[in-house]
Amino acid sequence: GMLLILECYNQLDQEEPILARLLLKERSWLILVQRF
């Protein structure tokens, strides 16, 4: 499970750094990791 979460952060570096998208993904992943 932690490898899957880590892979999400790693693959984000390969995408275009758009602020709104970064904030949306950061918020959803933060909630998921906190539940984890």
PDB file of all heavy atoms in Angstrom:
ATOM      1  N   GLY A   1       0.807  -1.206   0.000  1.00  0.00           N
ATOM      2  CA  GLY A   1       0.000   0.000   0.000  1.00  0.00           C
ATOM      3  C   GLY A   1       0.847   1.266   0.000  1.00  0.00           C
ATOM      4  O   GLY A   1       0.540   2.232  -0.710  1.00  0.00           O
ATOM      5  N   MET A   2       1.934   1.271   0.782  1.00  0.00           N
ATOM      6  CA  MET A   2       2.811   2.438   0.804  1.00  0.00           C
ATOM      7  C   MET A   2       3.549   2.599  -0.522  1.00  0.00           C
ATOM      8  O   MET A   2       3.806   3.726  -0.966  1.00  0.00           O
ATOM      9  CB  MET A   2       3.791   2.337   1.975  1.00  0.00           C
ATOM     10  CG  MET A   2       3.147   2.588   3.320  1.00  0.00           C
ATOM     11  SD  MET A   2       4.334   2.731   4.671  1.00  0.00           S
ATOM     12  CE  MET A   2       4.926   1.046   4.763  1.00  0.00           C
ATOM     13  N   LEU A   3       3.906   1.495  -1.173  1.00  0.00           N
ATOM     14  CA  LEU A   3       4.526   1.593  -2.496  1.00  0.00           C
ATOM     15  C   LEU A   3       3.570   2.219  -3.504  1.00  0.00           C
ATOM     16  O   LEU A   3       3.984   3.012  -4.358  1.00  0.00           O
ATOM     17  CB  LEU A   3       4.955   0.206  -2.984  1.00  0.00           C
ATOM     18  CG  LEU A   3       6.238  -0.387  -2.403  1.00  0.00           C
ATOM     19  CD1 LEU A   3       6.513  -1.745  -3.025  1.00  0.00           C
ATOM     20  CD2 LEU A   3       7.423   0.542  -2.617  1.00  0.00           C
ATOM     21  N   LEU A   4       2.300   1.864  -3.415  1.00  0.00           N
ATOM     22  CA  LEU A   4       1.302   2.450  -4.317  1.00  0.00           C
ATOM     23  C   LEU A   4       1.155   3.946  -4.075  1.00  0.00           C
ATOM     24  O   LEU A   4       1.097   4.744  -5.031  1.00  0.00           O
ATOM     25  CB  LEU A   4      -0.037   1.742  -4.132  1.00  0.00           C
ATOM     26  CG  LEU A   4      -1.192   2.205  -5.017  1.00  0.00           C
ATOM     27  CD1 LEU A   4      -0.854   2.024  -6.485  1.00  0.00           C
ATOM     28  CD2 LEU A   4      -2.471   1.457  -4.671  1.00  0.00           C
ATOM     29  N   ILE A   5       1.113   4.360  -2.812  1.00  0.00           N
ATOM     30  CA  ILE A   5       1.027   5.787  -2.494  1.00  0.00           C
ATOM     31  C   ILE A   5       2.287   6.509  -2.944  1.00  0.00           C
ATOM     32  O   ILE A   5       2.226   7.614  -3.519  1.00  0.00           O
ATOM     33  CB  ILE A   5       0.799   5.967  -0.990  1.00  0.00           C
ATOM     34  CG1 ILE A   5      -0.561   5.382  -0.576  1.00  0.00           C
ATOM     35  CG2 ILE A   5       0.883   7.435  -0.600  1.00  0.00           C
ATOM     36  CD1 ILE A   5      -0.782   5.342   0.916  1.00  0.00           C
ATOM     37  N   LEU A   6       3.422   5.890  -2.721  1.00  0.00           N
ATOM     38  CA  LEU A   6       4.689   6.506  -3.132  1.00  0.00           C
ATOM     39  C   LEU A   6       4.772   6.650  -4.643  1.00  0.00           C
ATOM     40  O   LEU A   6       5.313   7.640  -5.154  1.00  0.00           O
ATOM     41  CB  LEU A   6       5.849   5.663  -2.604  1.00  0.00           C
ATOM     42  CG  LEU A   6       7.267   6.175  -2.854  1.00  0.00           C
ATOM     43  CD1 LEU A   6       7.470   7.529  -2.187  1.00  0.00           C
ATOM     44  CD2 LEU A   6       8.289   5.166  -2.333  1.00  0.00           C
ATOM     45  N   GLU A   7       4.243   5.675  -5.365  1.00  0.00           N
ATOM     46  CA  GLU A   7       4.262   5.741  -6.825  1.00  0.00           C
ATOM     47  C   GLU A   7       3.417   6.909  -7.336  1.00  0.00           C
ATOM     48  O   GLU A   7       3.751   7.518  -8.362  1.00  0.00           O
ATOM     49  CB  GLU A   7       3.745   4.426  -7.405  1.00  0.00           C
ATOM     50  CG  GLU A   7       3.987   4.272  -8.891  1.00  0.00           C
ATOM     51  CD  GLU A   7       5.459   4.286  -9.244  1.00  0.00           C
ATOM     52  OE1 GLU A   7       6.273   3.769  -8.457  1.00  0.00           O
ATOM     53  OE2 GLU A   7       5.787   4.818 -10.322  1.00  0.00           O
ATOM     54  N   CYS A   8       2.342   7.225  -6.640  1.00  0.00           N
ATOM     55  CA  CYS A   8       1.519   8.370  -7.036  1.00  0.00           C
ATOM     56  C   CYS A   8       2.318   9.661  -6.936  1.00  0.00           C
ATOM     57  O   CYS A   8       2.268  10.516  -7.828  1.00  0.00           O
ATOM     58  CB  CYS A   8       0.282   8.452  -6.154  1.00  0.00           C
ATOM     59  SG  CYS A   8      -0.874   7.082  -6.372  1.00  0.00           S
ATOM     60  N   TYR A   9       3.069   9.835  -5.852  1.00  0.00           N
ATOM     61  CA  TYR A   9       3.900  11.024  -5.717  1.00  0.00           C
ATOM     62  C   TYR A   9       4.999  11.052  -6.774  1.00  0.00           C
ATOM     63  O   TYR A   9       5.319  12.119  -7.313  1.00  0.00           O
ATOM     64  CB  TYR A   9       4.521  11.067  -4.317  1.00  0.00           C
ATOM     65  CG  TYR A   9       3.555  11.406  -3.217  1.00  0.00           C
ATOM     66  CD1 TYR A   9       3.258  10.493  -2.205  1.00  0.00           C
ATOM     67  CD2 TYR A   9       2.936  12.649  -3.171  1.00  0.00           C
ATOM     68  CE1 TYR A   9       2.375  10.809  -1.194  1.00  0.00           C
ATOM     69  CE2 TYR A   9       2.046  12.974  -2.158  1.00  0.00           C
ATOM     70  CZ  TYR A   9       1.769  12.049  -1.169  1.00  0.00           C
ATOM     71  OH  TYR A   9       0.885  12.368  -0.171  1.00  0.00           O
ATOM     72  N   ASN A  10       5.583   9.898  -7.080  1.00  0.00           N
ATOM     73  CA  ASN A  10       6.659   9.863  -8.059  1.00  0.00           C
ATOM     74  C   ASN A  10       6.160  10.184  -9.462  1.00  0.00           C
ATOM     75  O   ASN A  10       6.826  10.899 -10.224  1.00  0.00           O
ATOM     76  CB  ASN A  10       7.330   8.491  -8.053  1.00  0.00           C
ATOM     77  CG  ASN A  10       8.112   8.226  -6.788  1.00  0.00           C
ATOM     78  OD1 ASN A  10       8.569   9.171  -6.120  1.00  0.00           O
ATOM     79  ND2 ASN A  10       8.272   6.971  -6.415  1.00  0.00           N
ATOM     80  N   GLN A  11       5.009   9.659  -9.836  1.00  0.00           N
ATOM     81  CA  GLN A  11       4.482   9.907 -11.168  1.00  0.00           C
ATOM     82  C   GLN A  11       4.000  11.337 -11.348  1.00  0.00           C
ATOM     83  O   GLN A  11       3.876  11.821 -12.470  1.00  0.00           O
ATOM     84  CB  GLN A  11       3.338   8.934 -11.473  1.00  0.00           C
ATOM     85  CG  GLN A  11       3.798   7.496 -11.630  1.00  0.00           C
ATOM     86  CD  GLN A  11       2.662   6.560 -11.985  1.00  0.00           C
ATOM     87  OE1 GLN A  11       1.535   6.982 -12.204  1.00  0.00           O
ATOM     88  NE2 GLN A  11       2.964   5.267 -12.043  1.00  0.00           N
ATOM     89  N   LEU A  12       3.748  12.032 -10.249  1.00  0.00           N
ATOM     90  CA  LEU A  12       3.311  13.412 -10.355  1.00  0.00           C
ATOM     91  C   LEU A  12       4.419  14.308 -10.900  1.00  0.00           C
ATOM     92  O   LEU A  12       4.143  15.339 -11.523  1.00  0.00           O
ATOM     93  CB  LEU A  12       2.854  13.928  -8.981  1.00  0.00           C
ATOM     94  CG  LEU A  12       2.078  15.246  -8.968  1.00  0.00           C
ATOM     95  CD1 LEU A  12       0.772  15.095  -9.731  1.00  0.00           C
ATOM     96  CD2 LEU A  12       1.799  15.674  -7.540  1.00  0.00           C
ATOM     97  N   ASP A  13       5.679  13.924 -10.685  1.00  0.00           N
ATOM     98  CA  ASP A  13       6.791  14.718 -11.210  1.00  0.00           C
ATOM     99  C   ASP A  13       6.847  14.705 -12.729  1.00  0.00           C
ATOM    100  O   ASP A  13       7.449  15.598 -13.334  1.00  0.00           O
ATOM    101  CB  ASP A  13       8.116  14.184 -10.645  1.00  0.00           C
ATOM    102  CG  ASP A  13       8.222  14.401  -9.148  1.00  0.00           C
ATOM    103  OD1 ASP A  13       7.516  15.292  -8.635  1.00  0.00           O
ATOM    104  OD2 ASP A  13       8.994  13.679  -8.495  1.00  0.00           O
ATOM    105  N   GLN A  14       6.267  13.679 -13.349  1.00  0.00           N
ATOM    106  CA  GLN A  14       6.303  13.566 -14.797  1.00  0.00           C
ATOM    107  C   GLN A  14       5.187  14.343 -15.478  1.00  0.00           C
ATOM    108  O   GLN A  14       5.165  14.454 -16.700  1.00  0.00           O
ATOM    109  CB  GLN A  14       6.218  12.090 -15.195  1.00  0.00           C
ATOM    110  CG  GLN A  14       7.290  11.218 -14.563  1.00  0.00           C
ATOM    111  CD  GLN A  14       7.091   9.748 -14.846  1.00  0.00           C
ATOM    112  OE1 GLN A  14       6.186   9.366 -15.586  1.00  0.00           O
ATOM    113  NE2 GLN A  14       7.953   8.915 -14.275  1.00  0.00           N
ATOM    114  N   GLU A  15       4.250  14.882 -14.720  1.00  0.00           N
ATOM    115  CA  GLU A  15       3.135  15.624 -15.289  1.00  0.00           C
ATOM    116  C   GLU A  15       3.418  17.125 -15.281  1.00  0.00           C
ATOM    117  O   GLU A  15       4.339  17.606 -14.633  1.00  0.00           O
ATOM    118  CB  GLU A  15       1.848  15.329 -14.509  1.00  0.00           C
ATOM    119  CG  GLU A  15       1.458  13.855 -14.509  1.00  0.00           C
ATOM    120  CD  GLU A  15       0.199  13.603 -13.706  1.00  0.00           C
ATOM    121  OE1 GLU A  15      -0.343  14.576 -13.126  1.00  0.00           O
ATOM    122  OE2 GLU A  15      -0.241  12.439 -13.658  1.00  0.00           O
ATOM    123  N   GLU A  16       2.602  17.853 -16.006  1.00  0.00           N
ATOM    124  CA  GLU A  16       2.753  19.299 -16.073  1.00  0.00           C
ATOM    125  C   GLU A  16       2.352  19.915 -14.740  1.00  0.00           C
ATOM    126  O   GLU A  16       1.267  19.644 -14.222  1.00  0.00           O
ATOM    127  CB  GLU A  16       1.882  19.857 -17.192  1.00  0.00           C
ATOM    128  CG  GLU A  16       2.061  21.353 -17.414  1.00  0.00           C
ATOM    129  CD  GLU A  16       1.208  21.863 -18.554  1.00  0.00           C
ATOM    130  OE1 GLU A  16       0.530  21.014 -19.195  1.00  0.00           O
ATOM    131  OE2 GLU A  16       1.211  23.070 -18.788  1.00  0.00           O
ATOM    132  N   PRO A  17       3.216  20.765 -14.158  1.00  0.00           N
ATOM    133  CA  PRO A  17       2.929  21.332 -12.831  1.00  0.00           C
ATOM    134  C   PRO A  17       1.870  22.423 -12.881  1.00  0.00           C
ATOM    135  O   PRO A  17       2.171  23.619 -12.964  1.00  0.00           O
ATOM    136  CB  PRO A  17       4.286  21.873 -12.390  1.00  0.00           C
ATOM    137  CG  PRO A  17       4.999  22.190 -13.666  1.00  0.00           C
ATOM    138  CD  PRO A  17       4.533  21.174 -14.671  1.00  0.00           C
ATOM    139  N   ILE A  18       0.596  22.024 -12.851  1.00  0.00           N
ATOM    140  CA  ILE A  18      -0.514  22.966 -12.808  1.00  0.00           C
ATOM    141  C   ILE A  18      -0.982  23.062 -11.360  1.00  0.00           C
ATOM    142  O   ILE A  18      -1.279  22.050 -10.721  1.00  0.00           O
ATOM    143  CB  ILE A  18      -1.653  22.509 -13.731  1.00  0.00           C
ATOM    144  CG1 ILE A  18      -1.138  22.389 -15.177  1.00  0.00           C
ATOM    145  CG2 ILE A  18      -2.816  23.483 -13.666  1.00  0.00           C
ATOM    146  CD1 ILE A  18      -2.160  21.852 -16.141  1.00  0.00           C
ATOM    147  N   LEU A  19      -1.061  24.288 -10.844  1.00  0.00           N
ATOM    148  CA  LEU A  19      -1.310  24.487  -9.419  1.00  0.00           C
ATOM    149  C   LEU A  19      -2.637  23.878  -8.978  1.00  0.00           C
ATOM    150  O   LEU A  19      -2.698  23.189  -7.955  1.00  0.00           O
ATOM    151  CB  LEU A  19      -1.290  25.978  -9.099  1.00  0.00           C
ATOM    152  CG  LEU A  19      -1.561  26.345  -7.628  1.00  0.00           C
ATOM    153  CD1 LEU A  19      -0.553  25.693  -6.719  1.00  0.00           C
ATOM    154  CD2 LEU A  19      -1.566  27.854  -7.448  1.00  0.00           C
ATOM    155  N   ALA A  20      -3.708  24.125  -9.730  1.00  0.00           N
ATOM    156  CA  ALA A  20      -5.014  23.610  -9.319  1.00  0.00           C
ATOM    157  C   ALA A  20      -5.020  22.094  -9.254  1.00  0.00           C
ATOM    158  O   ALA A  20      -5.568  21.498  -8.323  1.00  0.00           O
ATOM    159  CB  ALA A  20      -6.094  24.100 -10.294  1.00  0.00           C
ATOM    160  N   ARG A  21      -4.359  21.457 -10.226  1.00  0.00           N
ATOM    161  CA  ARG A  21      -4.295  19.995 -10.236  1.00  0.00           C
ATOM    162  C   ARG A  21      -3.437  19.482  -9.086  1.00  0.00           C
ATOM    163  O   ARG A  21      -3.771  18.476  -8.444  1.00  0.00           O
ATOM    164  CB  ARG A  21      -3.751  19.515 -11.571  1.00  0.00           C
ATOM    165  CG  ARG A  21      -3.724  18.007 -11.719  1.00  0.00           C
ATOM    166  CD  ARG A  21      -3.153  17.598 -13.074  1.00  0.00           C
ATOM    167  NE  ARG A  21      -3.949  18.171 -14.163  1.00  0.00           N
ATOM    168  CZ  ARG A  21      -3.600  18.077 -15.448  1.00  0.00           C
ATOM    169  NH1 ARG A  21      -2.478  17.477 -15.786  1.00  0.00           N
ATOM    170  NH2 ARG A  21      -4.386  18.595 -16.379  1.00  0.00           N
ATOM    171  N   LEU A  22      -2.329  20.154  -8.831  1.00  0.00           N
ATOM    172  CA  LEU A  22      -1.470  19.740  -7.718  1.00  0.00           C
ATOM    173  C   LEU A  22      -2.211  19.817  -6.390  1.00  0.00           C
ATOM    174  O   LEU A  22      -2.124  18.897  -5.561  1.00  0.00           O
ATOM    175  CB  LEU A  22      -0.218  20.614  -7.668  1.00  0.00           C
ATOM    176  CG  LEU A  22       0.860  20.364  -8.713  1.00  0.00           C
ATOM    177  CD1 LEU A  22       2.000  21.347  -8.524  1.00  0.00           C
ATOM    178  CD2 LEU A  22       1.378  18.938  -8.634  1.00  0.00           C
ATOM    179  N   LEU A  23      -2.930  20.909  -6.171  1.00  0.00           N
ATOM    180  CA  LEU A  23      -3.650  21.076  -4.911  1.00  0.00           C
ATOM    181  C   LEU A  23      -4.764  20.042  -4.758  1.00  0.00           C
ATOM    182  O   LEU A  23      -4.984  19.512  -3.662  1.00  0.00           O
ATOM    183  CB  LEU A  23      -4.237  22.484  -4.823  1.00  0.00           C
ATOM    184  CG  LEU A  23      -3.221  23.634  -4.689  1.00  0.00           C
ATOM    185  CD1 LEU A  23      -3.940  24.965  -4.717  1.00  0.00           C
ATOM    186  CD2 LEU A  23      -2.404  23.478  -3.431  1.00  0.00           C
ATOM    187  N   LEU A  24      -5.443  19.733  -5.861  1.00  0.00           N
ATOM    188  CA  LEU A  24      -6.521  18.753  -5.801  1.00  0.00           C
ATOM    189  C   LEU A  24      -5.984  17.370  -5.470  1.00  0.00           C
ATOM    190  O   LEU A  24      -6.526  16.658  -4.607  1.00  0.00           O
ATOM    191  CB  LEU A  24      -7.276  18.736  -7.133  1.00  0.00           C
ATOM    192  CG  LEU A  24      -8.460  17.769  -7.228  1.00  0.00           C
ATOM    193  CD1 LEU A  24      -9.531  18.138  -6.205  1.00  0.00           C
ATOM    194  CD2 LEU A  24      -9.046  17.774  -8.641  1.00  0.00           C
ATOM    195  N   LYS A  25      -4.907  16.974  -6.131  1.00  0.00           N
ATOM    196  CA  LYS A  25      -4.328  15.658  -5.880  1.00  0.00           C
ATOM    197  C   LYS A  25      -3.690  15.593  -4.502  1.00  0.00           C
ATOM    198  O   LYS A  25      -3.777  14.570  -3.814  1.00  0.00           O
ATOM    199  CB  LYS A  25      -3.310  15.329  -6.964  1.00  0.00           C
ATOM    200  CG  LYS A  25      -3.934  15.111  -8.329  1.00  0.00           C
ATOM    201  CD  LYS A  25      -2.886  14.726  -9.358  1.00  0.00           C
ATOM    202  CE  LYS A  25      -3.555  14.459 -10.715  1.00  0.00           C
ATOM    203  NZ  LYS A  25      -2.572  14.081 -11.749  1.00  0.00           N
ATOM    204  N   GLU A  26      -3.036  16.681  -4.108  1.00  0.00           N
ATOM    205  CA  GLU A  26      -2.418  16.685  -2.781  1.00  0.00           C
ATOM    206  C   GLU A  26      -3.449  16.522  -1.691  1.00  0.00           C
ATOM    207  O   GLU A  26      -3.233  15.800  -0.710  1.00  0.00           O
ATOM    208  CB  GLU A  26      -1.635  17.986  -2.605  1.00  0.00           C
ATOM    209  CG  GLU A  26      -0.709  18.005  -1.379  1.00  0.00           C
ATOM    210  CD  GLU A  26      -1.435  18.451  -0.127  1.00  0.00           C
ATOM    211  OE1 GLU A  26      -2.537  19.023  -0.246  1.00  0.00           O
ATOM    212  OE2 GLU A  26      -0.914  18.219   0.978  1.00  0.00           O
ATOM    213  N   ARG A  27      -4.596  17.174  -1.856  1.00  0.00           N
ATOM    214  CA  ARG A  27      -5.649  17.083  -0.851  1.00  0.00           C
ATOM    215  C   ARG A  27      -6.216  15.663  -0.769  1.00  0.00           C
ATOM    216  O   ARG A  27      -6.391  15.115   0.317  1.00  0.00           O
ATOM    217  CB  ARG A  27      -6.770  18.072  -1.180  1.00  0.00           C
ATOM    218  CG  ARG A  27      -7.877  18.110  -0.139  1.00  0.00           C
ATOM    219  CD  ARG A  27      -9.045  18.940  -0.643  1.00  0.00           C
ATOM    220  NE  ARG A  27      -8.632  20.265  -1.052  1.00  0.00           N
ATOM    221  CZ  ARG A  27      -9.441  21.126  -1.674  1.00  0.00           C
ATOM    222  NH1 ARG A  27     -10.682  20.778  -1.965  1.00  0.00           N
ATOM    223  NH2 ARG A  27      -9.003  22.327  -2.014  1.00  0.00           N
ATOM    224  N   SER A  28      -6.489  15.058  -1.923  1.00  0.00           N
ATOM    225  CA  SER A  28      -7.069  13.708  -1.927  1.00  0.00           C
ATOM    226  C   SER A  28      -6.077  12.683  -1.402  1.00  0.00           C
ATOM    227  O   SER A  28      -6.454  11.783  -0.647  1.00  0.00           O
ATOM    228  CB  SER A  28      -7.519  13.346  -3.341  1.00  0.00           C
ATOM    229  OG  SER A  28      -6.415  13.340  -4.235  1.00  0.00           O
ATOM    230  N   TRP A  29      -4.805  12.820  -1.769  1.00  0.00           N
ATOM    231  CA  TRP A  29      -3.806  11.855  -1.293  1.00  0.00           C
ATOM    232  C   TRP A  29      -3.522  12.028   0.189  1.00  0.00           C
ATOM    233  O   TRP A  29      -3.250  11.056   0.898  1.00  0.00           O
ATOM    234  CB  TRP A  29      -2.525  12.004  -2.105  1.00  0.00           C
ATOM    235  CG  TRP A  29      -2.696  11.593  -3.538  1.00  0.00           C
ATOM    236  CD1 TRP A  29      -3.752  10.908  -4.074  1.00  0.00           C
ATOM    237  CD2 TRP A  29      -1.801  11.849  -4.611  1.00  0.00           C
ATOM    238  NE1 TRP A  29      -3.565  10.731  -5.419  1.00  0.00           N
ATOM    239  CE2 TRP A  29      -2.381  11.288  -5.784  1.00  0.00           C
ATOM    240  CE3 TRP A  29      -0.572  12.489  -4.723  1.00  0.00           C
ATOM    241  CZ2 TRP A  29      -1.769  11.357  -7.026  1.00  0.00           C
ATOM    242  CZ3 TRP A  29       0.043  12.550  -5.959  1.00  0.00           C
ATOM    243  CH2 TRP A  29      -0.542  11.994  -7.091  1.00  0.00           C
ATOM    244  N   LEU A  30      -3.568  13.284   0.655  1.00  0.00           N
ATOM    245  CA  LEU A  30      -3.352  13.517   2.081  1.00  0.00           C
ATOM    246  C   LEU A  30      -4.452  12.855   2.904  1.00  0.00           C
ATOM    247  O   LEU A  30      -4.188  12.225   3.931  1.00  0.00           O
ATOM    248  CB  LEU A  30      -3.298  15.016   2.354  1.00  0.00           C
ATOM    249  CG  LEU A  30      -3.129  15.426   3.822  1.00  0.00           C
ATOM    250  CD1 LEU A  30      -1.813  14.924   4.374  1.00  0.00           C
ATOM    251  CD2 LEU A  30      -3.241  16.945   3.968  1.00  0.00           C
ATOM    252  N   ILE A  31      -5.700  12.973   2.452  1.00  0.00           N
ATOM    253  CA  ILE A  31      -6.817  12.331   3.159  1.00  0.00           C
ATOM    254  C   ILE A  31      -6.648  10.816   3.139  1.00  0.00           C
ATOM    255  O   ILE A  31      -6.865  10.136   4.159  1.00  0.00           O
ATOM    256  CB  ILE A  31      -8.156  12.743   2.519  1.00  0.00           C
ATOM    257  CG1 ILE A  31      -8.399  14.247   2.722  1.00  0.00           C
ATOM    258  CG2 ILE A  31      -9.305  11.945   3.107  1.00  0.00           C
ATOM    259  CD1 ILE A  31      -9.628  14.770   2.016  1.00  0.00           C
ATOM    260  N   LEU A  32      -6.232  10.263   1.993  1.00  0.00           N
ATOM    261  CA  LEU A  32      -6.051   8.815   1.883  1.00  0.00           C
ATOM    262  C   LEU A  32      -4.941   8.324   2.808  1.00  0.00           C
ATOM    263  O   LEU A  32      -5.099   7.312   3.502  1.00  0.00           O
ATOM    264  CB  LEU A  32      -5.746   8.443   0.436  1.00  0.00           C
ATOM    265  CG  LEU A  32      -5.518   6.953   0.154  1.00  0.00           C
ATOM    266  CD1 LEU A  32      -6.772   6.141   0.461  1.00  0.00           C
ATOM    267  CD2 LEU A  32      -5.069   6.735  -1.284  1.00  0.00           C
ATOM    268  N   VAL A  33      -3.812   9.038   2.840  1.00  0.00           N
ATOM    269  CA  VAL A  33      -2.695   8.617   3.694  1.00  0.00           C
ATOM    270  C   VAL A  33      -3.057   8.751   5.166  1.00  0.00           C
ATOM    271  O   VAL A  33      -2.683   7.907   5.989  1.00  0.00           O
ATOM    272  CB  VAL A  33      -1.433   9.427   3.360  1.00  0.00           C
ATOM    273  CG1 VAL A  33      -0.290   9.051   4.303  1.00  0.00           C
ATOM    274  CG2 VAL A  33      -1.005   9.177   1.926  1.00  0.00           C
ATOM    275  N   GLN A  34      -3.791   9.786   5.522  1.00  0.00           N
ATOM    276  CA  GLN A  34      -4.224   9.935   6.912  1.00  0.00           C
ATOM    277  C   GLN A  34      -5.134   8.784   7.333  1.00  0.00           C
ATOM    278  O   GLN A  34      -5.031   8.282   8.453  1.00  0.00           O
ATOM    279  CB  GLN A  34      -4.930  11.279   7.097  1.00  0.00           C
ATOM    280  CG  GLN A  34      -3.994  12.475   7.063  1.00  0.00           C
ATOM    281  CD  GLN A  34      -4.725  13.793   7.145  1.00  0.00           C
ATOM    282  OE1 GLN A  34      -5.936  13.861   6.928  1.00  0.00           O
ATOM    283  NE2 GLN A  34      -4.007  14.864   7.456  1.00  0.00           N
ATOM    284  N   ARG A  35      -6.023   8.373   6.447  1.00  0.00           N
ATOM    285  CA  ARG A  35      -6.862   7.197   6.729  1.00  0.00           C
ATOM    286  C   ARG A  35      -6.000   5.939   6.815  1.00  0.00           C
ATOM    287  O   ARG A  35      -6.242   5.058   7.663  1.00  0.00           O
ATOM    288  CB  ARG A  35      -7.918   7.035   5.646  1.00  0.00           C
ATOM    289  CG  ARG A  35      -9.036   8.068   5.713  1.00  0.00           C
ATOM    290  CD  ARG A  35      -9.857   8.078   4.452  1.00  0.00           C
ATOM    291  NE  ARG A  35     -10.338   6.733   4.119  1.00  0.00           N
ATOM    292  CZ  ARG A  35     -10.808   6.403   2.918  1.00  0.00           C
ATOM    293  NH1 ARG A  35     -10.842   7.304   1.951  1.00  0.00           N
ATOM    294  NH2 ARG A  35     -11.244   5.190   2.700  1.00  0.00           N
ATOM    295  N   PHE A  36      -5.007   5.836   5.959  1.00  0.00           N
ATOM    296  CA  PHE A  36      -4.100   4.686   5.968  1.00  0.00           C
ATOM    297  C   PHE A  36      -3.386   4.580   7.316  1.00  0.00           C
ATOM    298  O   PHE A  36      -3.325   3.502   7.918  1.00  0.00           O
ATOM    299  CB  PHE A  36      -3.092   4.842   4.825  1.00  0.00           C
ATOM    300  CG  PHE A  36      -2.206   3.656   4.603  1.00  0.00           C
ATOM    301  CD1 PHE A  36      -2.584   2.648   3.735  1.00  0.00           C
ATOM    302  CD2 PHE A  36      -0.986   3.547   5.252  1.00  0.00           C
ATOM    303  CE1 PHE A  36      -1.759   1.546   3.519  1.00  0.00           C
ATOM    304  CE2 PHE A  36      -0.165   2.463   5.051  1.00  0.00           C
ATOM    305  CZ  PHE A  36      -0.553   1.448   4.182  1.00  0.00           C
TER     306      PHE A  36
END
